Amino acid sequence: MTNRPVTGEEDCLVIAPPGSTQRWIVHRPVDHYGDGYVYEIVVEISDDGISAKSSATLDGETPENLRDFLDGLARDWRGWSGIRS
């Protein structure tokens, strides 16, 4: 992964139902530090004149990857004890 700016929607995952004003955009993860461990992902949602934009930081220093983390959330969707981050 390179430390380059996102330039347009070609570097994004865009989910937009046909004929709808709804859009969910997940930008390509960016490794600002070039260390291969910490990535920032910008996420946008919008619908009918309202929008929100935020970013999330993913820390890859643990043995669990994002896919495994999300699989675990899906598997335990009814709840779990303790804190997950």
C-alpha atoms as a PDB file:
ATOM      1  CA  MET A   1       0.000   0.000   0.000  1.00  0.00           C
ATOM      2  CA  THR A   2       1.390   3.414  -0.888  1.00  0.00           C
ATOM      3  CA  ASN A   3       0.994   6.760   0.797  1.00  0.00           C
ATOM      4  CA  ARG A   4      -0.829   8.539  -2.001  1.00  0.00           C
ATOM      5  CA  PRO A   5      -3.945  10.670  -1.934  1.00  0.00           C
ATOM      6  CA  VAL A   6      -7.274   9.294  -3.070  1.00  0.00           C
ATOM      7  CA  THR A   7      -8.138  10.766  -6.450  1.00  0.00           C
ATOM      8  CA  GLY A   8     -11.760  10.251  -7.389  1.00  0.00           C
ATOM      9  CA  GLU A   9     -14.110   7.344  -7.056  1.00  0.00           C
ATOM     10  CA  GLU A  10     -11.882   4.962  -9.014  1.00  0.00           C
ATOM     11  CA  ASP A  11     -10.019   4.403  -5.737  1.00  0.00           C
ATOM     12  CA  CYS A  12     -13.209   3.795  -3.736  1.00  0.00           C
ATOM     13  CA  LEU A  13     -15.799   1.142  -3.113  1.00  0.00           C
ATOM     14  CA  VAL A  14     -19.122   2.805  -3.996  1.00  0.00           C
ATOM     15  CA  ILE A  15     -22.436   1.174  -3.121  1.00  0.00           C
ATOM     16  CA  ALA A  16     -25.354   2.994  -4.715  1.00  0.00           C
ATOM     17  CA  PRO A  17     -28.660   1.254  -5.456  1.00  0.00           C
ATOM     18  CA  PRO A  18     -29.883   1.954  -9.012  1.00  0.00           C
ATOM     19  CA  GLY A  19     -32.375   4.819  -9.131  1.00  0.00           C
ATOM     20  CA  SER A  20     -31.637   5.885  -5.554  1.00  0.00           C
ATOM     21  CA  THR A  21     -29.909   8.908  -4.032  1.00  0.00           C
ATOM     22  CA  GLN A  22     -28.342   6.650  -1.377  1.00  0.00           C
ATOM     23  CA  ARG A  23     -24.559   6.238  -1.544  1.00  0.00           C
ATOM     24  CA  TRP A  24     -22.027   4.536   0.686  1.00  0.00           C
ATOM     25  CA  ILE A  25     -18.415   5.256  -0.230  1.00  0.00           C
ATOM     26  CA  VAL A  26     -15.438   3.514   1.361  1.00  0.00           C
ATOM     27  CA  HIS A  27     -12.138   5.049   0.260  1.00  0.00           C
ATOM     28  CA  ARG A  28      -8.958   3.088  -0.248  1.00  0.00           C
ATOM     29  CA  PRO A  29      -6.987   2.572   2.999  1.00  0.00           C
ATOM     30  CA  VAL A  30      -3.991   4.914   3.270  1.00  0.00           C
ATOM     31  CA  ASP A  31      -0.802   4.102   5.190  1.00  0.00           C
ATOM     32  CA  HIS A  32       0.265   7.626   6.206  1.00  0.00           C
ATOM     33  CA  TYR A  33       3.299   6.388   8.143  1.00  0.00           C
ATOM     34  CA  GLY A  34       4.489   3.844   5.584  1.00  0.00           C
ATOM     35  CA  ASP A  35       4.921   1.243   8.317  1.00  0.00           C
ATOM     36  CA  GLY A  36       2.400  -1.302   7.039  1.00  0.00           C
ATOM     37  CA  TYR A  37       0.576  -1.365  10.379  1.00  0.00           C
ATOM     38  CA  VAL A  38      -1.703   1.665  10.686  1.00  0.00           C
ATOM     39  CA  TYR A  39      -4.157   2.596   7.937  1.00  0.00           C
ATOM     40  CA  GLU A  40      -6.793   5.306   7.714  1.00  0.00           C
ATOM     41  CA  ILE A  41     -10.034   4.671   5.831  1.00  0.00           C
ATOM     42  CA  VAL A  42     -12.398   7.519   4.965  1.00  0.00           C
ATOM     43  CA  VAL A  43     -16.078   6.543   4.802  1.00  0.00           C
ATOM     44  CA  GLU A  44     -18.979   8.626   3.455  1.00  0.00           C
ATOM     45  CA  ILE A  45     -22.739   8.049   3.451  1.00  0.00           C
ATOM     46  CA  SER A  46     -25.383  10.202   1.828  1.00  0.00           C
ATOM     47  CA  ASP A  47     -29.046  10.192   0.909  1.00  0.00           C
ATOM     48  CA  ASP A  48     -31.444  12.835  -0.350  1.00  0.00           C
ATOM     49  CA  GLY A  49     -29.417  15.957   0.473  1.00  0.00           C
ATOM     50  CA  ILE A  50     -27.885  14.775   3.760  1.00  0.00           C
ATOM     51  CA  SER A  51     -24.399  13.371   4.121  1.00  0.00           C
ATOM     52  CA  ALA A  52     -21.803  12.342   6.673  1.00  0.00           C
ATOM     53  CA  LYS A  53     -18.085  11.719   6.357  1.00  0.00           C
ATOM     54  CA  SER A  54     -15.697  10.213   8.872  1.00  0.00           C
ATOM     55  CA  SER A  55     -12.515   8.214   9.058  1.00  0.00           C
ATOM     56  CA  ALA A  56     -11.490   5.072  10.859  1.00  0.00           C
ATOM     57  CA  THR A  57      -8.005   3.989  11.848  1.00  0.00           C
ATOM     58  CA  LEU A  58      -7.100   0.329  11.473  1.00  0.00           C
ATOM     59  CA  ASP A  59      -4.180  -0.939  13.531  1.00  0.00           C
ATOM     60  CA  GLY A  60      -2.600  -4.068  12.065  1.00  0.00           C
ATOM     61  CA  GLU A  61      -0.190  -4.817  14.905  1.00  0.00           C
ATOM     62  CA  THR A  62      -2.328  -7.638  16.272  1.00  0.00           C
ATOM     63  CA  PRO A  63      -2.444 -11.111  14.707  1.00  0.00           C
ATOM     64  CA  GLU A  64      -6.147 -10.683  13.886  1.00  0.00           C
ATOM     65  CA  ASN A  65      -6.850  -9.140  10.488  1.00  0.00           C
ATOM     66  CA  LEU A  66      -9.906  -7.091   9.538  1.00  0.00           C
ATOM     67  CA  ARG A  67     -11.636 -10.015   7.823  1.00  0.00           C
ATOM     68  CA  ASP A  68     -11.286 -12.216  10.896  1.00  0.00           C
ATOM     69  CA  PHE A  69     -12.462  -9.363  13.156  1.00  0.00           C
ATOM     70  CA  LEU A  70     -15.600  -8.788  11.042  1.00  0.00           C
ATOM     71  CA  ASP A  71     -16.247 -12.544  10.820  1.00  0.00           C
ATOM     72  CA  GLY A  72     -16.093 -12.674  14.625  1.00  0.00           C
ATOM     73  CA  LEU A  73     -18.593  -9.811  14.942  1.00  0.00           C
ATOM     74  CA  ALA A  74     -20.952 -11.573  12.527  1.00  0.00           C
ATOM     75  CA  ARG A  75     -20.583 -14.877  14.362  1.00  0.00           C
ATOM     76  CA  ASP A  76     -21.246 -13.276  17.756  1.00  0.00           C
ATOM     77  CA  TRP A  77     -23.907 -10.786  16.663  1.00  0.00           C
ATOM     78  CA  ARG A  78     -26.080 -11.614  19.659  1.00  0.00           C
ATOM     79  CA  GLY A  79     -23.438 -10.314  22.041  1.00  0.00           C
ATOM     80  CA  TRP A  80     -20.234 -11.182  23.798  1.00  0.00           C
ATOM     81  CA  SER A  81     -18.569 -10.448  27.088  1.00  0.00           C
ATOM     82  CA  GLY A  82     -15.752  -7.952  27.328  1.00  0.00           C
ATOM     83  CA  ILE A  83     -14.702  -5.190  24.946  1.00  0.00           C
ATOM     84  CA  ARG A  84     -13.800  -5.455  21.275  1.00  0.00           C
ATOM     85  CA  SER A  85     -11.952  -2.753  19.424  1.00  0.00           C
END
